[in-house]
Amino acid sequence: INAIVFNKLLPIALGLISTIYCYRVSLQIL
């Protein structure tokens, strides 16, 4: 996988990880 192509695909995984953590944190608070 080319570095430039990977750089364009990496934010998708980072966004999904952030979404999962945010949802779980929210459910623990409320």
PDB file of all heavy atoms in Angstrom:
ATOM      1  N   ILE A   1       0.853  -1.186   0.000  1.00  0.00           N
ATOM      2  CA  ILE A   1       0.000   0.000   0.000  1.00  0.00           C
ATOM      3  C   ILE A   1       0.888   1.235   0.000  1.00  0.00           C
ATOM      4  O   ILE A   1       1.723   1.415   0.883  1.00  0.00           O
ATOM      5  CB  ILE A   1      -0.939   0.011   1.224  1.00  0.00           C
ATOM      6  CG1 ILE A   1      -1.830  -1.221   1.205  1.00  0.00           C
ATOM      7  CG2 ILE A   1      -1.773   1.280   1.248  1.00  0.00           C
ATOM      8  CD1 ILE A   1      -2.693  -1.371   2.435  1.00  0.00           C
ATOM      9  N   ASN A   2       0.696   2.073  -0.994  1.00  0.00           N
ATOM     10  CA  ASN A   2       1.447   3.307  -1.152  1.00  0.00           C
ATOM     11  C   ASN A   2       1.225   4.202   0.080  1.00  0.00           C
ATOM     12  O   ASN A   2       0.133   4.247   0.630  1.00  0.00           O
ATOM     13  CB  ASN A   2       0.935   3.991  -2.428  1.00  0.00           C
ATOM     14  CG  ASN A   2       1.667   5.244  -2.772  1.00  0.00           C
ATOM     15  OD1 ASN A   2       2.358   5.830  -1.958  1.00  0.00           O
ATOM     16  ND2 ASN A   2       1.506   5.666  -4.006  1.00  0.00           N
ATOM     17  N   ALA A   3       2.241   4.954   0.487  1.00  0.00           N
ATOM     18  CA  ALA A   3       2.132   5.813   1.675  1.00  0.00           C
ATOM     19  C   ALA A   3       1.061   6.884   1.503  1.00  0.00           C
ATOM     20  O   ALA A   3       0.337   7.202   2.449  1.00  0.00           O
ATOM     21  CB  ALA A   3       3.482   6.462   1.979  1.00  0.00           C
ATOM     22  N   ILE A   4       0.936   7.438   0.321  1.00  0.00           N
ATOM     23  CA  ILE A   4      -0.067   8.479   0.086  1.00  0.00           C
ATOM     24  C   ILE A   4      -1.474   7.884   0.144  1.00  0.00           C
ATOM     25  O   ILE A   4      -2.387   8.472   0.731  1.00  0.00           O
ATOM     26  CB  ILE A   4       0.176   9.179  -1.274  1.00  0.00           C
ATOM     27  CG1 ILE A   4       1.586   9.770  -1.343  1.00  0.00           C
ATOM     28  CG2 ILE A   4      -0.884  10.232  -1.529  1.00  0.00           C
ATOM     29  CD1 ILE A   4       1.874  10.851  -0.343  1.00  0.00           C
ATOM     30  N   VAL A   5      -1.665   6.716  -0.434  1.00  0.00           N
ATOM     31  CA  VAL A   5      -2.976   6.057  -0.401  1.00  0.00           C
ATOM     32  C   VAL A   5      -3.325   5.662   1.034  1.00  0.00           C
ATOM     33  O   VAL A   5      -4.449   5.873   1.496  1.00  0.00           O
ATOM     34  CB  VAL A   5      -3.003   4.829  -1.339  1.00  0.00           C
ATOM     35  CG1 VAL A   5      -4.286   4.036  -1.177  1.00  0.00           C
ATOM     36  CG2 VAL A   5      -2.813   5.265  -2.777  1.00  0.00           C
ATOM     37  N   PHE A   6      -2.358   5.121   1.748  1.00  0.00           N
ATOM     38  CA  PHE A   6      -2.600   4.744   3.140  1.00  0.00           C
ATOM     39  C   PHE A   6      -2.938   5.971   3.979  1.00  0.00           C
ATOM     40  O   PHE A   6      -3.791   5.918   4.859  1.00  0.00           O
ATOM     41  CB  PHE A   6      -1.392   4.012   3.721  1.00  0.00           C
ATOM     42  CG  PHE A   6      -1.586   3.569   5.140  1.00  0.00           C
ATOM     43  CD1 PHE A   6      -2.546   2.622   5.459  1.00  0.00           C
ATOM     44  CD2 PHE A   6      -0.824   4.103   6.162  1.00  0.00           C
ATOM     45  CE1 PHE A   6      -2.743   2.213   6.769  1.00  0.00           C
ATOM     46  CE2 PHE A   6      -1.001   3.697   7.469  1.00  0.00           C
ATOM     47  CZ  PHE A   6      -1.960   2.747   7.780  1.00  0.00           C
ATOM     48  N   ASN A   7      -2.278   7.083   3.683  1.00  0.00           N
ATOM     49  CA  ASN A   7      -2.547   8.328   4.392  1.00  0.00           C
ATOM     50  C   ASN A   7      -3.987   8.790   4.176  1.00  0.00           C
ATOM     51  O   ASN A   7      -4.582   9.404   5.048  1.00  0.00           O
ATOM     52  CB  ASN A   7      -1.570   9.411   3.939  1.00  0.00           C
ATOM     53  CG  ASN A   7      -1.854  10.734   4.573  1.00  0.00           C
ATOM     54  OD1 ASN A   7      -2.499  11.589   3.976  1.00  0.00           O
ATOM     55  ND2 ASN A   7      -1.376  10.899   5.787  1.00  0.00           N
ATOM     56  N   LYS A   8      -4.543   8.488   3.033  1.00  0.00           N
ATOM     57  CA  LYS A   8      -5.930   8.875   2.756  1.00  0.00           C
ATOM     58  C   LYS A   8      -6.927   7.899   3.377  1.00  0.00           C
ATOM     59  O   LYS A   8      -8.063   8.263   3.648  1.00  0.00           O
ATOM     60  CB  LYS A   8      -6.156   8.951   1.246  1.00  0.00           C
ATOM     61  CG  LYS A   8      -5.374  10.086   0.593  1.00  0.00           C
ATOM     62  CD  LYS A   8      -5.551  10.089  -0.904  1.00  0.00           C
ATOM     63  CE  LYS A   8      -4.733  11.206  -1.539  1.00  0.00           C
ATOM     64  NZ  LYS A   8      -4.937  11.269  -2.993  1.00  0.00           N
ATOM     65  N   LEU A   9      -6.519   6.659   3.630  1.00  0.00           N
ATOM     66  CA  LEU A   9      -7.413   5.656   4.200  1.00  0.00           C
ATOM     67  C   LEU A   9      -7.352   5.588   5.724  1.00  0.00           C
ATOM     68  O   LEU A   9      -8.329   5.205   6.373  1.00  0.00           O
ATOM     69  CB  LEU A   9      -7.091   4.277   3.615  1.00  0.00           C
ATOM     70  CG  LEU A   9      -7.312   4.112   2.118  1.00  0.00           C
ATOM     71  CD1 LEU A   9      -6.834   2.747   1.657  1.00  0.00           C
ATOM     72  CD2 LEU A   9      -8.769   4.329   1.759  1.00  0.00           C
ATOM     73  N   LEU A  10      -6.227   5.965   6.291  1.00  0.00           N
ATOM     74  CA  LEU A  10      -6.028   5.884   7.741  1.00  0.00           C
ATOM     75  C   LEU A  10      -7.060   6.675   8.540  1.00  0.00           C
ATOM     76  O   LEU A  10      -7.537   6.184   9.573  1.00  0.00           O
ATOM     77  CB  LEU A  10      -4.606   6.335   8.091  1.00  0.00           C
ATOM     78  CG  LEU A  10      -4.206   6.296   9.555  1.00  0.00           C
ATOM     79  CD1 LEU A  10      -4.267   4.867  10.078  1.00  0.00           C
ATOM     80  CD2 LEU A  10      -2.804   6.859   9.723  1.00  0.00           C
ATOM     81  N   PRO A  11      -7.456   7.873   8.125  1.00  0.00           N
ATOM     82  CA  PRO A  11      -8.453   8.616   8.917  1.00  0.00           C
ATOM     83  C   PRO A  11      -9.785   7.897   9.096  1.00  0.00           C
ATOM     84  O   PRO A  11     -10.483   8.139  10.082  1.00  0.00           O
ATOM     85  CB  PRO A  11      -8.639   9.915   8.126  1.00  0.00           C
ATOM     86  CG  PRO A  11      -7.349  10.104   7.415  1.00  0.00           C
ATOM     87  CD  PRO A  11      -6.896   8.716   7.054  1.00  0.00           C
ATOM     88  N   ILE A  12     -10.137   7.017   8.200  1.00  0.00           N
ATOM     89  CA  ILE A  12     -11.391   6.268   8.357  1.00  0.00           C
ATOM     90  C   ILE A  12     -11.319   5.399   9.604  1.00  0.00           C
ATOM     91  O   ILE A  12     -12.237   5.399  10.432  1.00  0.00           O
ATOM     92  CB  ILE A  12     -11.660   5.399   7.109  1.00  0.00           C
ATOM     93  CG1 ILE A  12     -11.797   6.274   5.889  1.00  0.00           C
ATOM     94  CG2 ILE A  12     -12.897   4.537   7.310  1.00  0.00           C
ATOM     95  CD1 ILE A  12     -11.770   5.499   4.600  1.00  0.00           C
ATOM     96  N   ALA A  13     -10.226   4.667   9.754  1.00  0.00           N
ATOM     97  CA  ALA A  13     -10.057   3.817  10.933  1.00  0.00           C
ATOM     98  C   ALA A  13      -9.974   4.652  12.207  1.00  0.00           C
ATOM     99  O   ALA A  13     -10.580   4.303  13.228  1.00  0.00           O
ATOM    100  CB  ALA A  13      -8.803   2.955  10.784  1.00  0.00           C
ATOM    101  N   LEU A  14      -9.259   5.762  12.147  1.00  0.00           N
ATOM    102  CA  LEU A  14      -9.140   6.619  13.322  1.00  0.00           C
ATOM    103  C   LEU A  14     -10.500   7.210  13.716  1.00  0.00           C
ATOM    104  O   LEU A  14     -10.824   7.313  14.898  1.00  0.00           O
ATOM    105  CB  LEU A  14      -8.138   7.735  13.066  1.00  0.00           C
ATOM    106  CG  LEU A  14      -6.684   7.298  12.825  1.00  0.00           C
ATOM    107  CD1 LEU A  14      -5.814   8.498  12.500  1.00  0.00           C
ATOM    108  CD2 LEU A  14      -6.141   6.532  14.008  1.00  0.00           C
ATOM    109  N   GLY A  15     -11.294   7.565  12.725  1.00  0.00           N
ATOM    110  CA  GLY A  15     -12.634   8.087  12.999  1.00  0.00           C
ATOM    111  C   GLY A  15     -13.545   7.040  13.621  1.00  0.00           C
ATOM    112  O   GLY A  15     -14.326   7.332  14.533  1.00  0.00           O
ATOM    113  N   LEU A  16     -13.451   5.810  13.134  1.00  0.00           N
ATOM    114  CA  LEU A  16     -14.271   4.735  13.699  1.00  0.00           C
ATOM    115  C   LEU A  16     -13.867   4.421  15.137  1.00  0.00           C
ATOM    116  O   LEU A  16     -14.724   4.215  16.003  1.00  0.00           O
ATOM    117  CB  LEU A  16     -14.182   3.479  12.832  1.00  0.00           C
ATOM    118  CG  LEU A  16     -14.948   3.542  11.517  1.00  0.00           C
ATOM    119  CD1 LEU A  16     -14.622   2.335  10.649  1.00  0.00           C
ATOM    120  CD2 LEU A  16     -16.437   3.630  11.773  1.00  0.00           C
ATOM    121  N   ILE A  17     -12.575   4.392  15.401  1.00  0.00           N
ATOM    122  CA  ILE A  17     -12.105   4.151  16.774  1.00  0.00           C
ATOM    123  C   ILE A  17     -12.595   5.260  17.700  1.00  0.00           C
ATOM    124  O   ILE A  17     -13.070   4.998  18.807  1.00  0.00           O
ATOM    125  CB  ILE A  17     -10.568   4.036  16.803  1.00  0.00           C
ATOM    126  CG1 ILE A  17     -10.114   2.766  16.084  1.00  0.00           C
ATOM    127  CG2 ILE A  17     -10.046   4.040  18.236  1.00  0.00           C
ATOM    128  CD1 ILE A  17      -8.624   2.695  15.836  1.00  0.00           C
ATOM    129  N   SER A  18     -12.508   6.508  17.236  1.00  0.00           N
ATOM    130  CA  SER A  18     -12.980   7.641  18.042  1.00  0.00           C
ATOM    131  C   SER A  18     -14.476   7.525  18.315  1.00  0.00           C
ATOM    132  O   SER A  18     -14.935   7.796  19.429  1.00  0.00           O
ATOM    133  CB  SER A  18     -12.710   8.961  17.324  1.00  0.00           C
ATOM    134  OG  SER A  18     -11.343   9.171  17.161  1.00  0.00           O
ATOM    135  N   THR A  19     -15.233   7.125  17.319  1.00  0.00           N
ATOM    136  CA  THR A  19     -16.684   6.992  17.474  1.00  0.00           C
ATOM    137  C   THR A  19     -17.028   5.917  18.495  1.00  0.00           C
ATOM    138  O   THR A  19     -17.904   6.114  19.349  1.00  0.00           O
ATOM    139  CB  THR A  19     -17.333   6.668  16.114  1.00  0.00           C
ATOM    140  OG1 THR A  19     -17.046   7.735  15.213  1.00  0.00           O
ATOM    141  CG2 THR A  19     -18.825   6.482  16.225  1.00  0.00           C
ATOM    142  N   ILE A  20     -16.349   4.801  18.431  1.00  0.00           N
ATOM    143  CA  ILE A  20     -16.613   3.709  19.376  1.00  0.00           C
ATOM    144  C   ILE A  20     -16.316   4.144  20.800  1.00  0.00           C
ATOM    145  O   ILE A  20     -17.122   3.943  21.717  1.00  0.00           O
ATOM    146  CB  ILE A  20     -15.813   2.451  18.984  1.00  0.00           C
ATOM    147  CG1 ILE A  20     -16.350   1.880  17.673  1.00  0.00           C
ATOM    148  CG2 ILE A  20     -15.856   1.406  20.091  1.00  0.00           C
ATOM    149  CD1 ILE A  20     -15.453   0.846  17.032  1.00  0.00           C
ATOM    150  N   TYR A  21     -15.145   4.758  21.012  1.00  0.00           N
ATOM    151  CA  TYR A  21     -14.806   5.229  22.361  1.00  0.00           C
ATOM    152  C   TYR A  21     -15.795   6.283  22.850  1.00  0.00           C
ATOM    153  O   TYR A  21     -16.222   6.260  23.999  1.00  0.00           O
ATOM    154  CB  TYR A  21     -13.395   5.797  22.414  1.00  0.00           C
ATOM    155  CG  TYR A  21     -12.323   4.762  22.604  1.00  0.00           C
ATOM    156  CD1 TYR A  21     -11.200   4.738  21.793  1.00  0.00           C
ATOM    157  CD2 TYR A  21     -12.404   3.817  23.623  1.00  0.00           C
ATOM    158  CE1 TYR A  21     -10.202   3.799  21.975  1.00  0.00           C
ATOM    159  CE2 TYR A  21     -11.414   2.876  23.806  1.00  0.00           C
ATOM    160  CZ  TYR A  21     -10.320   2.867  22.979  1.00  0.00           C
ATOM    161  OH  TYR A  21      -9.336   1.942  23.168  1.00  0.00           O
ATOM    162  N   CYS A  22     -16.155   7.205  21.991  1.00  0.00           N
ATOM    163  CA  CYS A  22     -17.072   8.274  22.390  1.00  0.00           C
ATOM    164  C   CYS A  22     -18.424   7.703  22.797  1.00  0.00           C
ATOM    165  O   CYS A  22     -19.003   8.119  23.807  1.00  0.00           O
ATOM    166  CB  CYS A  22     -17.222   9.278  21.261  1.00  0.00           C
ATOM    167  SG  CYS A  22     -18.299  10.668  21.668  1.00  0.00           S
ATOM    168  N   TYR A  23     -18.926   6.769  22.037  1.00  0.00           N
ATOM    169  CA  TYR A  23     -20.215   6.164  22.364  1.00  0.00           C
ATOM    170  C   TYR A  23     -20.156   5.459  23.714  1.00  0.00           C
ATOM    171  O   TYR A  23     -21.048   5.606  24.550  1.00  0.00           O
ATOM    172  CB  TYR A  23     -20.633   5.188  21.258  1.00  0.00           C
ATOM    173  CG  TYR A  23     -22.025   4.643  21.438  1.00  0.00           C
ATOM    174  CD1 TYR A  23     -23.129   5.385  21.042  1.00  0.00           C
ATOM    175  CD2 TYR A  23     -22.245   3.401  22.012  1.00  0.00           C
ATOM    176  CE1 TYR A  23     -24.414   4.907  21.211  1.00  0.00           C
ATOM    177  CE2 TYR A  23     -23.531   2.909  22.195  1.00  0.00           C
ATOM    178  CZ  TYR A  23     -24.599   3.667  21.792  1.00  0.00           C
ATOM    179  OH  TYR A  23     -25.876   3.187  21.967  1.00  0.00           O
ATOM    180  N   ARG A  24     -19.093   4.724  23.943  1.00  0.00           N
ATOM    181  CA  ARG A  24     -18.971   3.987  25.206  1.00  0.00           C
ATOM    182  C   ARG A  24     -18.783   4.923  26.400  1.00  0.00           C
ATOM    183  O   ARG A  24     -19.329   4.673  27.475  1.00  0.00           O
ATOM    184  CB  ARG A  24     -17.829   2.981  25.117  1.00  0.00           C
ATOM    185  CG  ARG A  24     -18.172   1.839  24.194  1.00  0.00           C
ATOM    186  CD  ARG A  24     -17.122   0.789  24.190  1.00  0.00           C
ATOM    187  NE  ARG A  24     -17.540  -0.327  23.370  1.00  0.00           N
ATOM    188  CZ  ARG A  24     -16.856  -1.442  23.259  1.00  0.00           C
ATOM    189  NH1 ARG A  24     -15.729  -1.598  23.904  1.00  0.00           N
ATOM    190  NH2 ARG A  24     -17.302  -2.403  22.489  1.00  0.00           N
ATOM    191  N   VAL A  25     -17.990   5.980  26.215  1.00  0.00           N
ATOM    192  CA  VAL A  25     -17.822   6.959  27.290  1.00  0.00           C
ATOM    193  C   VAL A  25     -19.150   7.619  27.605  1.00  0.00           C
ATOM    194  O   VAL A  25     -19.520   7.790  28.772  1.00  0.00           O
ATOM    195  CB  VAL A  25     -16.749   8.019  26.914  1.00  0.00           C
ATOM    196  CG1 VAL A  25     -16.808   9.215  27.838  1.00  0.00           C
ATOM    197  CG2 VAL A  25     -15.363   7.411  26.943  1.00  0.00           C
ATOM    198  N   SER A  26     -19.891   7.969  26.581  1.00  0.00           N
ATOM    199  CA  SER A  26     -21.192   8.612  26.785  1.00  0.00           C
ATOM    200  C   SER A  26     -22.144   7.705  27.555  1.00  0.00           C
ATOM    201  O   SER A  26     -22.869   8.164  28.440  1.00  0.00           O
ATOM    202  CB  SER A  26     -21.816   8.983  25.445  1.00  0.00           C
ATOM    203  OG  SER A  26     -21.025   9.924  24.790  1.00  0.00           O
ATOM    204  N   LEU A  27     -22.140   6.420  27.233  1.00  0.00           N
ATOM    205  CA  LEU A  27     -23.028   5.497  27.934  1.00  0.00           C
ATOM    206  C   LEU A  27     -22.603   5.281  29.379  1.00  0.00           C
ATOM    207  O   LEU A  27     -23.436   4.993  30.233  1.00  0.00           O
ATOM    208  CB  LEU A  27     -23.108   4.158  27.211  1.00  0.00           C
ATOM    209  CG  LEU A  27     -23.921   4.138  25.923  1.00  0.00           C
ATOM    210  CD1 LEU A  27     -24.018   2.725  25.379  1.00  0.00           C
ATOM    211  CD2 LEU A  27     -25.303   4.720  26.121  1.00  0.00           C
ATOM    212  N   GLN A  28     -21.313   5.416  29.658  1.00  0.00           N
ATOM    213  CA  GLN A  28     -20.882   5.277  31.044  1.00  0.00           C
ATOM    214  C   GLN A  28     -21.252   6.503  31.870  1.00  0.00           C
ATOM    215  O   GLN A  28     -21.532   6.388  33.048  1.00  0.00           O
ATOM    216  CB  GLN A  28     -19.381   5.017  31.111  1.00  0.00           C
ATOM    217  CG  GLN A  28     -19.024   3.626  30.682  1.00  0.00           C
ATOM    218  CD  GLN A  28     -17.557   3.321  30.888  1.00  0.00           C
ATOM    219  OE1 GLN A  28     -16.773   4.185  31.254  1.00  0.00           O
ATOM    220  NE2 GLN A  28     -17.187   2.083  30.645  1.00  0.00           N
ATOM    221  N   ILE A  29     -21.238   7.660  31.241  1.00  0.00           N
ATOM    222  CA  ILE A  29     -21.612   8.883  31.954  1.00  0.00           C
ATOM    223  C   ILE A  29     -23.129   8.978  32.099  1.00  0.00           C
ATOM    224  O   ILE A  29     -23.652   9.260  33.172  1.00  0.00           O
ATOM    225  CB  ILE A  29     -21.050  10.120  31.230  1.00  0.00           C
ATOM    226  CG1 ILE A  29     -19.523  10.091  31.291  1.00  0.00           C
ATOM    227  CG2 ILE A  29     -21.586  11.402  31.841  1.00  0.00           C
ATOM    228  CD1 ILE A  29     -18.849  11.145  30.438  1.00  0.00           C
ATOM    229  N   LEU A  30     -23.829   8.764  30.993  1.00  0.00           N
ATOM    230  CA  LEU A  30     -25.291   8.831  30.979  1.00  0.00           C
ATOM    231  C   LEU A  30     -25.790   7.635  30.168  1.00  0.00           C
ATOM    232  O   LEU A  30     -25.671   7.627  28.945  1.00  0.00           O
ATOM    233  CB  LEU A  30     -25.774  10.145  30.337  1.00  0.00           C
ATOM    234  CG  LEU A  30     -27.265  10.361  30.239  1.00  0.00           C
ATOM    235  CD1 LEU A  30     -27.885  10.480  31.640  1.00  0.00           C
ATOM    236  CD2 LEU A  30     -27.557  11.611  29.434  1.00  0.00           C
TER     237      LEU A  30
END
